[in-house]
């Protein structure tokens, strides 16, 4: 995989892509998760990540791709990918938090706290100021600006397979 850039707020054309992607997603009852531009060996990939209640299907991705592609003619990219961000996607937004409240998560900090940079626990609360995890050691609060990544820990129990 090549260099990845989030397209959030960088320039007018990026804002245009996000606006178009959001409008089409809403028309199709889908949730726009993220838009990125990735430089890869085969060229620039415009990646649009979507979700929906109950899960995104291949047919959803195909229909979205066919609908949004003609609207992106003025954008400089070599190919367009439409997909789900995956079940282990990072928890970034309030909606992501609501989906994952009470779930076991991994939290990584930009800099170590008491010599530790990575924590695991149950996601209790999250707002603009802080993230709260509960673990066997008790409740721990992290300033949001110090958090590099929060993602669910996926446990594939044999009973679930």
N, C-alpha and C. Protein backbone atom coordinates (compact mmCIF):
# COMPACT_ATOMS: atom_id res chain seq x y z
N UNK A 1 0.86 -1.17 0.00
CA UNK A 1 0.00 0.00 0.00
C UNK A 1 0.89 1.22 0.00
N UNK A 2 0.48 2.25 -0.68
CA UNK A 2 1.27 3.46 -0.80
C UNK A 2 0.93 4.47 0.26
N UNK A 3 1.38 5.69 0.02
CA UNK A 3 1.14 6.78 0.96
C UNK A 3 -0.33 7.13 0.98
N UNK A 4 -0.86 7.31 2.18
CA UNK A 4 -2.29 7.57 2.35
C UNK A 4 -2.50 8.95 2.94
N UNK A 5 -3.39 9.71 2.33
CA UNK A 5 -3.74 11.03 2.85
C UNK A 5 -5.23 11.06 3.10
N UNK A 6 -5.60 11.54 4.28
CA UNK A 6 -7.01 11.80 4.51
C UNK A 6 -7.34 13.03 3.70
N UNK A 7 -8.53 13.06 3.15
CA UNK A 7 -8.86 14.17 2.29
C UNK A 7 -9.59 15.28 3.02
N UNK A 8 -9.73 15.16 4.33
CA UNK A 8 -10.49 16.13 5.10
C UNK A 8 -9.90 17.52 5.08
N UNK A 9 -10.61 18.48 4.47
CA UNK A 9 -10.32 19.89 4.56
C UNK A 9 -9.04 20.38 3.93
N UNK A 10 -8.42 19.69 2.99
CA UNK A 10 -7.13 20.11 2.46
C UNK A 10 -7.24 21.18 1.38
N UNK A 11 -8.18 21.06 0.44
CA UNK A 11 -8.36 22.08 -0.58
C UNK A 11 -9.77 22.00 -1.15
N UNK A 12 -10.07 22.96 -2.05
CA UNK A 12 -11.44 23.05 -2.57
C UNK A 12 -11.87 21.78 -3.29
N UNK A 13 -10.98 21.17 -4.10
CA UNK A 13 -11.40 19.97 -4.83
C UNK A 13 -11.66 18.80 -3.88
N UNK A 14 -10.90 18.73 -2.82
CA UNK A 14 -11.11 17.68 -1.82
C UNK A 14 -12.46 17.88 -1.14
N UNK A 15 -12.74 19.12 -0.79
CA UNK A 15 -14.04 19.41 -0.18
C UNK A 15 -15.16 19.04 -1.14
N UNK A 16 -14.93 19.27 -2.43
CA UNK A 16 -15.92 18.91 -3.45
C UNK A 16 -16.14 17.41 -3.47
N UNK A 17 -15.05 16.62 -3.44
CA UNK A 17 -15.16 15.16 -3.44
C UNK A 17 -15.96 14.69 -2.22
N UNK A 18 -15.62 15.20 -1.06
CA UNK A 18 -16.32 14.79 0.16
C UNK A 18 -17.80 15.18 0.10
N UNK A 19 -18.07 16.36 -0.44
CA UNK A 19 -19.45 16.82 -0.55
C UNK A 19 -20.26 15.93 -1.49
N UNK A 20 -19.67 15.61 -2.64
CA UNK A 20 -20.34 14.74 -3.62
C UNK A 20 -20.53 13.34 -3.02
N UNK A 21 -19.47 12.81 -2.42
CA UNK A 21 -19.53 11.47 -1.83
C UNK A 21 -20.60 11.40 -0.74
N UNK A 22 -20.68 12.44 0.08
CA UNK A 22 -21.68 12.48 1.15
C UNK A 22 -23.09 12.54 0.58
N UNK A 23 -23.29 13.39 -0.42
CA UNK A 23 -24.62 13.55 -1.02
C UNK A 23 -25.11 12.22 -1.61
N UNK A 24 -24.25 11.55 -2.36
CA UNK A 24 -24.63 10.27 -2.97
C UNK A 24 -24.88 9.22 -1.89
N UNK A 25 -24.04 9.20 -0.86
CA UNK A 25 -24.24 8.24 0.24
C UNK A 25 -25.60 8.44 0.90
N UNK A 26 -25.94 9.69 1.17
CA UNK A 26 -27.23 9.97 1.80
C UNK A 26 -28.40 9.55 0.91
N UNK A 27 -28.28 9.79 -0.39
CA UNK A 27 -29.34 9.39 -1.33
C UNK A 27 -29.55 7.88 -1.34
N UNK A 28 -28.49 7.14 -1.05
CA UNK A 28 -28.55 5.68 -1.08
C UNK A 28 -28.69 5.08 0.32
N UNK A 29 -28.97 5.92 1.32
CA UNK A 29 -29.11 5.47 2.72
C UNK A 29 -27.84 4.78 3.23
N UNK A 30 -26.68 5.34 2.84
CA UNK A 30 -25.39 4.84 3.28
C UNK A 30 -24.72 5.90 4.14
N UNK A 31 -23.75 5.47 4.94
CA UNK A 31 -22.98 6.39 5.76
C UNK A 31 -21.59 6.54 5.17
N UNK A 32 -21.18 7.78 4.88
CA UNK A 32 -19.82 8.03 4.42
C UNK A 32 -18.91 7.97 5.63
N UNK A 33 -17.94 7.07 5.60
CA UNK A 33 -17.02 6.92 6.72
C UNK A 33 -15.77 7.77 6.51
N UNK A 34 -15.17 7.66 5.31
CA UNK A 34 -13.92 8.38 5.06
C UNK A 34 -13.65 8.42 3.56
N UNK A 35 -12.96 9.48 3.14
CA UNK A 35 -12.48 9.61 1.77
C UNK A 35 -10.97 9.83 1.86
N UNK A 36 -10.20 9.02 1.13
CA UNK A 36 -8.75 9.18 1.14
C UNK A 36 -8.22 9.16 -0.29
N UNK A 37 -7.04 9.71 -0.46
CA UNK A 37 -6.31 9.63 -1.72
C UNK A 37 -5.01 8.92 -1.42
N UNK A 38 -4.80 7.77 -2.06
CA UNK A 38 -3.61 6.98 -1.79
C UNK A 38 -2.75 6.92 -3.04
N UNK A 39 -1.48 7.28 -2.87
CA UNK A 39 -0.53 7.16 -3.99
C UNK A 39 0.02 5.75 -3.96
N UNK A 40 -0.23 5.02 -5.02
CA UNK A 40 0.23 3.64 -5.12
C UNK A 40 1.06 3.50 -6.39
N UNK A 41 1.73 2.37 -6.55
CA UNK A 41 2.58 2.16 -7.72
C UNK A 41 1.80 2.25 -9.02
N UNK A 42 0.52 1.91 -8.98
CA UNK A 42 -0.29 1.95 -10.20
C UNK A 42 -0.98 3.29 -10.40
N UNK A 43 -0.77 4.24 -9.51
CA UNK A 43 -1.35 5.57 -9.66
C UNK A 43 -2.07 6.03 -8.42
N UNK A 44 -2.84 7.11 -8.57
CA UNK A 44 -3.59 7.68 -7.44
C UNK A 44 -4.93 6.99 -7.29
N UNK A 45 -5.17 6.46 -6.12
CA UNK A 45 -6.44 5.78 -5.83
C UNK A 45 -7.29 6.68 -4.95
N UNK A 46 -8.46 7.02 -5.45
CA UNK A 46 -9.45 7.73 -4.66
C UNK A 46 -10.28 6.65 -3.97
N UNK A 47 -10.18 6.57 -2.65
CA UNK A 47 -10.86 5.52 -1.89
C UNK A 47 -12.00 6.13 -1.08
N UNK A 48 -13.18 5.57 -1.25
CA UNK A 48 -14.35 6.01 -0.51
C UNK A 48 -14.82 4.84 0.34
N UNK A 49 -14.86 5.07 1.65
CA UNK A 49 -15.26 4.04 2.60
C UNK A 49 -16.67 4.35 3.10
N UNK A 50 -17.54 3.35 3.00
CA UNK A 50 -18.95 3.50 3.35
C UNK A 50 -19.37 2.46 4.37
N UNK A 51 -20.50 2.71 4.98
CA UNK A 51 -21.09 1.73 5.88
C UNK A 51 -22.60 1.89 5.82
N UNK A 52 -23.30 0.94 6.38
CA UNK A 52 -24.75 1.07 6.55
C UNK A 52 -25.19 0.13 7.65
N UNK A 53 -26.33 0.45 8.21
CA UNK A 53 -26.91 -0.39 9.26
C UNK A 53 -27.09 -1.80 8.69
N UNK A 54 -26.62 -2.79 9.41
CA UNK A 54 -26.75 -4.17 8.95
C UNK A 54 -25.60 -4.62 8.07
N UNK A 55 -24.71 -3.72 7.69
CA UNK A 55 -23.53 -4.08 6.90
C UNK A 55 -23.65 -3.73 5.43
N UNK A 56 -22.54 -3.37 4.86
CA UNK A 56 -22.44 -2.99 3.46
C UNK A 56 -22.26 -4.24 2.60
N UNK A 57 -22.95 -4.31 1.46
CA UNK A 57 -22.82 -5.46 0.57
C UNK A 57 -22.00 -5.08 -0.66
N UNK A 58 -21.57 -6.08 -1.40
CA UNK A 58 -20.86 -5.85 -2.65
C UNK A 58 -21.75 -5.10 -3.64
N UNK A 59 -23.03 -5.44 -3.66
CA UNK A 59 -23.98 -4.74 -4.54
C UNK A 59 -24.09 -3.26 -4.17
N UNK A 60 -24.08 -2.95 -2.87
CA UNK A 60 -24.10 -1.55 -2.42
C UNK A 60 -22.88 -0.81 -2.98
N UNK A 61 -21.72 -1.42 -2.86
CA UNK A 61 -20.47 -0.80 -3.33
C UNK A 61 -20.50 -0.58 -4.83
N UNK A 62 -20.96 -1.58 -5.56
CA UNK A 62 -21.01 -1.50 -7.02
C UNK A 62 -21.97 -0.39 -7.47
N UNK A 63 -23.14 -0.33 -6.89
CA UNK A 63 -24.12 0.69 -7.26
C UNK A 63 -23.62 2.08 -6.89
N UNK A 64 -23.01 2.22 -5.72
CA UNK A 64 -22.46 3.51 -5.30
C UNK A 64 -21.36 3.95 -6.28
N UNK A 65 -20.46 3.03 -6.63
CA UNK A 65 -19.37 3.31 -7.57
C UNK A 65 -19.92 3.84 -8.89
N UNK A 66 -20.91 3.13 -9.44
CA UNK A 66 -21.51 3.53 -10.72
C UNK A 66 -22.21 4.88 -10.62
N UNK A 67 -22.75 5.19 -9.45
CA UNK A 67 -23.47 6.45 -9.27
C UNK A 67 -22.53 7.62 -9.06
N UNK A 68 -21.49 7.43 -8.27
CA UNK A 68 -20.61 8.55 -7.91
C UNK A 68 -19.54 8.84 -8.96
N UNK A 69 -19.07 7.83 -9.67
CA UNK A 69 -17.95 8.02 -10.60
C UNK A 69 -18.20 9.12 -11.64
N UNK A 70 -19.35 9.17 -12.30
CA UNK A 70 -19.55 10.23 -13.30
C UNK A 70 -19.55 11.64 -12.68
N UNK A 71 -19.82 11.74 -11.41
CA UNK A 71 -19.86 13.04 -10.73
C UNK A 71 -18.47 13.53 -10.33
N UNK A 72 -17.46 12.67 -10.49
CA UNK A 72 -16.09 13.00 -10.06
C UNK A 72 -15.14 13.23 -11.23
N UNK A 73 -15.68 13.55 -12.40
CA UNK A 73 -14.86 13.73 -13.60
C UNK A 73 -13.77 14.79 -13.44
N UNK A 74 -14.02 15.84 -12.68
CA UNK A 74 -13.06 16.94 -12.55
C UNK A 74 -11.96 16.65 -11.53
N UNK A 75 -12.04 15.52 -10.85
CA UNK A 75 -11.07 15.18 -9.80
C UNK A 75 -9.89 14.42 -10.40
N UNK A 76 -8.67 14.74 -9.93
CA UNK A 76 -7.45 14.11 -10.42
C UNK A 76 -7.18 12.81 -9.64
N UNK A 77 -7.58 11.68 -10.22
CA UNK A 77 -7.29 10.36 -9.65
C UNK A 77 -7.21 9.37 -10.80
N UNK A 78 -6.56 8.24 -10.57
CA UNK A 78 -6.41 7.23 -11.61
C UNK A 78 -7.44 6.11 -11.51
N UNK A 79 -7.82 5.76 -10.30
CA UNK A 79 -8.87 4.75 -10.14
C UNK A 79 -9.61 4.99 -8.84
N UNK A 80 -10.84 4.48 -8.81
CA UNK A 80 -11.75 4.69 -7.69
C UNK A 80 -12.05 3.36 -7.02
N UNK A 81 -11.90 3.32 -5.71
CA UNK A 81 -12.26 2.14 -4.94
C UNK A 81 -13.35 2.52 -3.94
N UNK A 82 -14.36 1.68 -3.85
CA UNK A 82 -15.45 1.88 -2.89
C UNK A 82 -15.52 0.62 -2.05
N UNK A 83 -15.45 0.78 -0.72
CA UNK A 83 -15.50 -0.40 0.14
C UNK A 83 -15.94 -0.02 1.55
N UNK A 84 -16.10 -1.04 2.36
CA UNK A 84 -16.36 -0.88 3.79
C UNK A 84 -15.03 -0.63 4.48
N UNK A 85 -15.01 0.13 5.56
CA UNK A 85 -13.76 0.32 6.29
C UNK A 85 -13.34 -0.92 7.08
N UNK A 86 -14.19 -1.94 7.16
CA UNK A 86 -13.85 -3.18 7.85
C UNK A 86 -14.34 -3.19 9.29
N UNK A 87 -14.43 -4.38 9.87
CA UNK A 87 -14.97 -4.48 11.23
C UNK A 87 -14.00 -3.97 12.29
N UNK A 88 -12.72 -3.88 11.95
CA UNK A 88 -11.75 -3.39 12.93
C UNK A 88 -11.36 -1.94 12.67
N UNK A 89 -12.24 -1.22 11.99
CA UNK A 89 -11.94 0.17 11.64
C UNK A 89 -11.72 1.01 12.90
N UNK A 90 -10.86 2.02 12.78
CA UNK A 90 -10.63 2.91 13.92
C UNK A 90 -11.91 3.62 14.36
N UNK A 91 -12.01 3.87 15.64
CA UNK A 91 -13.14 4.59 16.22
C UNK A 91 -12.77 6.06 16.24
N UNK A 92 -13.46 6.85 15.40
CA UNK A 92 -13.11 8.26 15.24
C UNK A 92 -14.25 9.20 15.61
N UNK A 93 -15.45 8.84 15.26
CA UNK A 93 -16.58 9.77 15.39
C UNK A 93 -17.50 9.37 16.54
N UNK A 94 -18.42 10.26 16.85
CA UNK A 94 -19.42 9.99 17.88
C UNK A 94 -20.24 8.75 17.49
N UNK A 95 -20.57 8.64 16.21
CA UNK A 95 -21.33 7.47 15.74
C UNK A 95 -20.53 6.18 15.92
N UNK A 96 -19.21 6.24 15.63
CA UNK A 96 -18.34 5.07 15.85
C UNK A 96 -18.35 4.69 17.33
N UNK A 97 -18.28 5.72 18.19
CA UNK A 97 -18.30 5.45 19.63
C UNK A 97 -19.60 4.78 20.04
N UNK A 98 -20.72 5.30 19.55
CA UNK A 98 -22.02 4.72 19.92
C UNK A 98 -22.09 3.25 19.51
N UNK A 99 -21.54 2.92 18.34
CA UNK A 99 -21.52 1.53 17.87
C UNK A 99 -20.67 0.65 18.77
N UNK A 100 -19.63 1.25 19.35
CA UNK A 100 -18.64 0.46 20.10
C UNK A 100 -18.66 0.67 21.61
N UNK A 101 -19.64 1.42 22.10
CA UNK A 101 -19.74 1.62 23.56
C UNK A 101 -19.88 0.25 24.22
N UNK A 102 -19.06 0.01 25.23
CA UNK A 102 -19.10 -1.27 25.94
C UNK A 102 -18.26 -2.36 25.30
N UNK A 103 -17.63 -2.06 24.16
CA UNK A 103 -16.81 -3.05 23.46
C UNK A 103 -15.37 -3.02 23.99
N UNK A 104 -14.69 -4.14 23.84
CA UNK A 104 -13.28 -4.23 24.18
C UNK A 104 -12.50 -3.54 23.06
N UNK A 105 -11.64 -2.59 23.43
CA UNK A 105 -10.88 -1.82 22.44
C UNK A 105 -9.41 -1.76 22.80
N UNK A 106 -8.63 -1.42 21.78
CA UNK A 106 -7.21 -1.13 21.95
C UNK A 106 -7.06 0.37 21.74
N UNK A 107 -6.35 1.03 22.64
CA UNK A 107 -6.12 2.46 22.55
C UNK A 107 -4.62 2.68 22.51
N UNK A 108 -4.15 3.44 21.51
CA UNK A 108 -2.73 3.78 21.40
C UNK A 108 -2.56 5.27 21.56
N UNK A 109 -1.54 5.65 22.31
CA UNK A 109 -1.24 7.05 22.54
C UNK A 109 -0.11 7.51 21.62
N UNK A 110 -0.04 8.81 21.38
CA UNK A 110 1.07 9.37 20.62
C UNK A 110 2.37 9.25 21.41
N UNK A 111 2.30 9.46 22.72
CA UNK A 111 3.47 9.38 23.58
C UNK A 111 3.12 8.52 24.80
N UNK A 112 4.10 7.81 25.34
CA UNK A 112 3.84 6.93 26.49
C UNK A 112 3.30 7.69 27.71
N UNK A 113 2.44 7.02 28.45
CA UNK A 113 1.91 7.52 29.72
C UNK A 113 2.40 6.55 30.79
N UNK A 114 3.22 7.03 31.70
CA UNK A 114 3.84 6.16 32.71
C UNK A 114 4.56 4.98 32.06
N UNK A 115 5.22 5.25 30.93
CA UNK A 115 5.99 4.24 30.22
C UNK A 115 5.19 3.31 29.33
N UNK A 116 3.88 3.52 29.24
CA UNK A 116 3.02 2.64 28.43
C UNK A 116 2.34 3.45 27.33
N UNK A 117 2.37 2.90 26.12
CA UNK A 117 1.78 3.60 24.98
C UNK A 117 0.49 2.95 24.48
N UNK A 118 0.25 1.70 24.87
CA UNK A 118 -0.93 0.97 24.38
C UNK A 118 -1.72 0.40 25.55
N UNK A 119 -3.04 0.55 25.48
CA UNK A 119 -3.92 0.09 26.55
C UNK A 119 -5.08 -0.70 25.95
N UNK A 120 -5.64 -1.60 26.74
CA UNK A 120 -6.85 -2.33 26.35
C UNK A 120 -7.87 -2.17 27.46
N UNK A 121 -9.13 -2.09 27.06
CA UNK A 121 -10.19 -1.99 28.04
C UNK A 121 -11.53 -1.85 27.35
N UNK A 122 -12.56 -1.72 28.15
CA UNK A 122 -13.92 -1.54 27.64
C UNK A 122 -14.16 -0.06 27.43
N UNK A 123 -14.61 0.30 26.25
CA UNK A 123 -14.87 1.70 25.92
C UNK A 123 -16.11 2.17 26.67
N UNK A 124 -15.91 3.09 27.61
CA UNK A 124 -17.00 3.58 28.46
C UNK A 124 -17.57 4.90 27.97
N UNK A 125 -16.68 5.83 27.60
CA UNK A 125 -17.13 7.17 27.22
C UNK A 125 -16.10 7.79 26.29
N UNK A 126 -16.58 8.71 25.45
CA UNK A 126 -15.70 9.41 24.53
C UNK A 126 -16.38 10.71 24.13
N UNK A 127 -15.65 11.81 24.25
CA UNK A 127 -16.15 13.09 23.76
C UNK A 127 -14.96 13.87 23.19
N UNK A 128 -15.14 15.15 22.91
CA UNK A 128 -14.06 15.94 22.32
C UNK A 128 -12.86 16.08 23.25
N UNK A 129 -13.09 15.96 24.55
CA UNK A 129 -12.04 16.18 25.54
C UNK A 129 -11.30 14.92 26.00
N UNK A 130 -12.02 13.81 26.12
CA UNK A 130 -11.40 12.63 26.71
C UNK A 130 -12.01 11.32 26.22
N UNK A 131 -11.25 10.24 26.47
CA UNK A 131 -11.71 8.88 26.22
C UNK A 131 -11.58 8.14 27.56
N UNK A 132 -12.61 7.37 27.90
CA UNK A 132 -12.61 6.64 29.18
C UNK A 132 -12.68 5.14 28.89
N UNK A 133 -11.70 4.41 29.43
CA UNK A 133 -11.67 2.94 29.33
C UNK A 133 -11.80 2.35 30.72
N UNK A 134 -12.46 1.21 30.80
CA UNK A 134 -12.53 0.44 32.05
C UNK A 134 -11.76 -0.86 31.83
N UNK A 135 -10.94 -1.21 32.80
CA UNK A 135 -10.19 -2.47 32.71
C UNK A 135 -10.11 -3.08 34.10
N UNK A 136 -9.41 -4.20 34.22
CA UNK A 136 -9.27 -4.84 35.53
C UNK A 136 -8.54 -3.94 36.52
N UNK A 137 -7.75 -3.00 36.02
CA UNK A 137 -7.05 -2.04 36.89
C UNK A 137 -7.94 -0.87 37.29
N UNK A 138 -9.14 -0.80 36.74
CA UNK A 138 -10.06 0.30 37.05
C UNK A 138 -10.28 1.20 35.85
N UNK A 139 -10.92 2.33 36.09
CA UNK A 139 -11.24 3.28 35.03
C UNK A 139 -10.02 4.16 34.75
N UNK A 140 -9.76 4.39 33.47
CA UNK A 140 -8.63 5.23 33.08
C UNK A 140 -9.12 6.26 32.07
N UNK A 141 -8.73 7.51 32.28
CA UNK A 141 -9.12 8.62 31.40
C UNK A 141 -7.91 9.09 30.61
N UNK A 142 -8.13 9.32 29.31
CA UNK A 142 -7.07 9.77 28.43
C UNK A 142 -7.51 11.06 27.74
N UNK A 143 -6.66 12.09 27.75
CA UNK A 143 -7.00 13.29 26.98
C UNK A 143 -7.12 12.91 25.50
N UNK A 144 -8.17 13.34 24.85
CA UNK A 144 -8.43 12.97 23.45
C UNK A 144 -7.27 13.35 22.54
N UNK A 145 -6.65 14.52 22.79
CA UNK A 145 -5.55 14.97 21.93
C UNK A 145 -4.31 14.08 22.04
N UNK A 146 -4.22 13.26 23.09
CA UNK A 146 -3.07 12.36 23.25
C UNK A 146 -3.31 10.99 22.62
N UNK A 147 -4.55 10.74 22.15
CA UNK A 147 -4.91 9.43 21.60
C UNK A 147 -4.63 9.38 20.10
N UNK A 148 -3.77 8.45 19.71
CA UNK A 148 -3.43 8.27 18.30
C UNK A 148 -4.44 7.38 17.59
N UNK A 149 -4.95 6.35 18.28
CA UNK A 149 -5.81 5.37 17.63
C UNK A 149 -6.65 4.64 18.68
N UNK A 150 -7.90 4.41 18.32
CA UNK A 150 -8.77 3.52 19.11
C UNK A 150 -9.41 2.58 18.11
N UNK A 151 -9.29 1.28 18.35
CA UNK A 151 -9.97 0.33 17.46
C UNK A 151 -10.47 -0.86 18.25
N UNK A 152 -11.56 -1.44 17.76
CA UNK A 152 -12.13 -2.60 18.47
C UNK A 152 -11.19 -3.80 18.40
N UNK A 153 -11.22 -4.60 19.44
CA UNK A 153 -10.49 -5.86 19.45
C UNK A 153 -11.50 -6.92 19.02
N UNK A 154 -11.23 -7.55 17.91
CA UNK A 154 -12.14 -8.55 17.36
C UNK A 154 -11.76 -9.92 17.91
N UNK A 155 -12.70 -10.56 18.56
CA UNK A 155 -12.48 -11.88 19.14
C UNK A 155 -13.32 -12.89 18.36
N UNK A 156 -12.65 -13.70 17.57
CA UNK A 156 -13.36 -14.72 16.79
C UNK A 156 -13.46 -15.99 17.63
N UNK A 157 -14.45 -16.04 18.48
CA UNK A 157 -14.72 -17.19 19.32
C UNK A 157 -15.19 -18.33 18.43
N UNK A 158 -14.75 -19.54 18.70
CA UNK A 158 -15.15 -20.69 17.89
C UNK A 158 -16.66 -20.84 17.81
N UNK A 159 -17.37 -20.43 18.85
CA UNK A 159 -18.83 -20.52 18.84
C UNK A 159 -19.46 -19.56 17.84
N UNK A 160 -18.71 -18.50 17.47
CA UNK A 160 -19.23 -17.50 16.54
C UNK A 160 -18.99 -17.88 15.08
N UNK A 161 -18.16 -18.88 14.85
CA UNK A 161 -17.79 -19.23 13.47
C UNK A 161 -18.73 -20.26 12.90
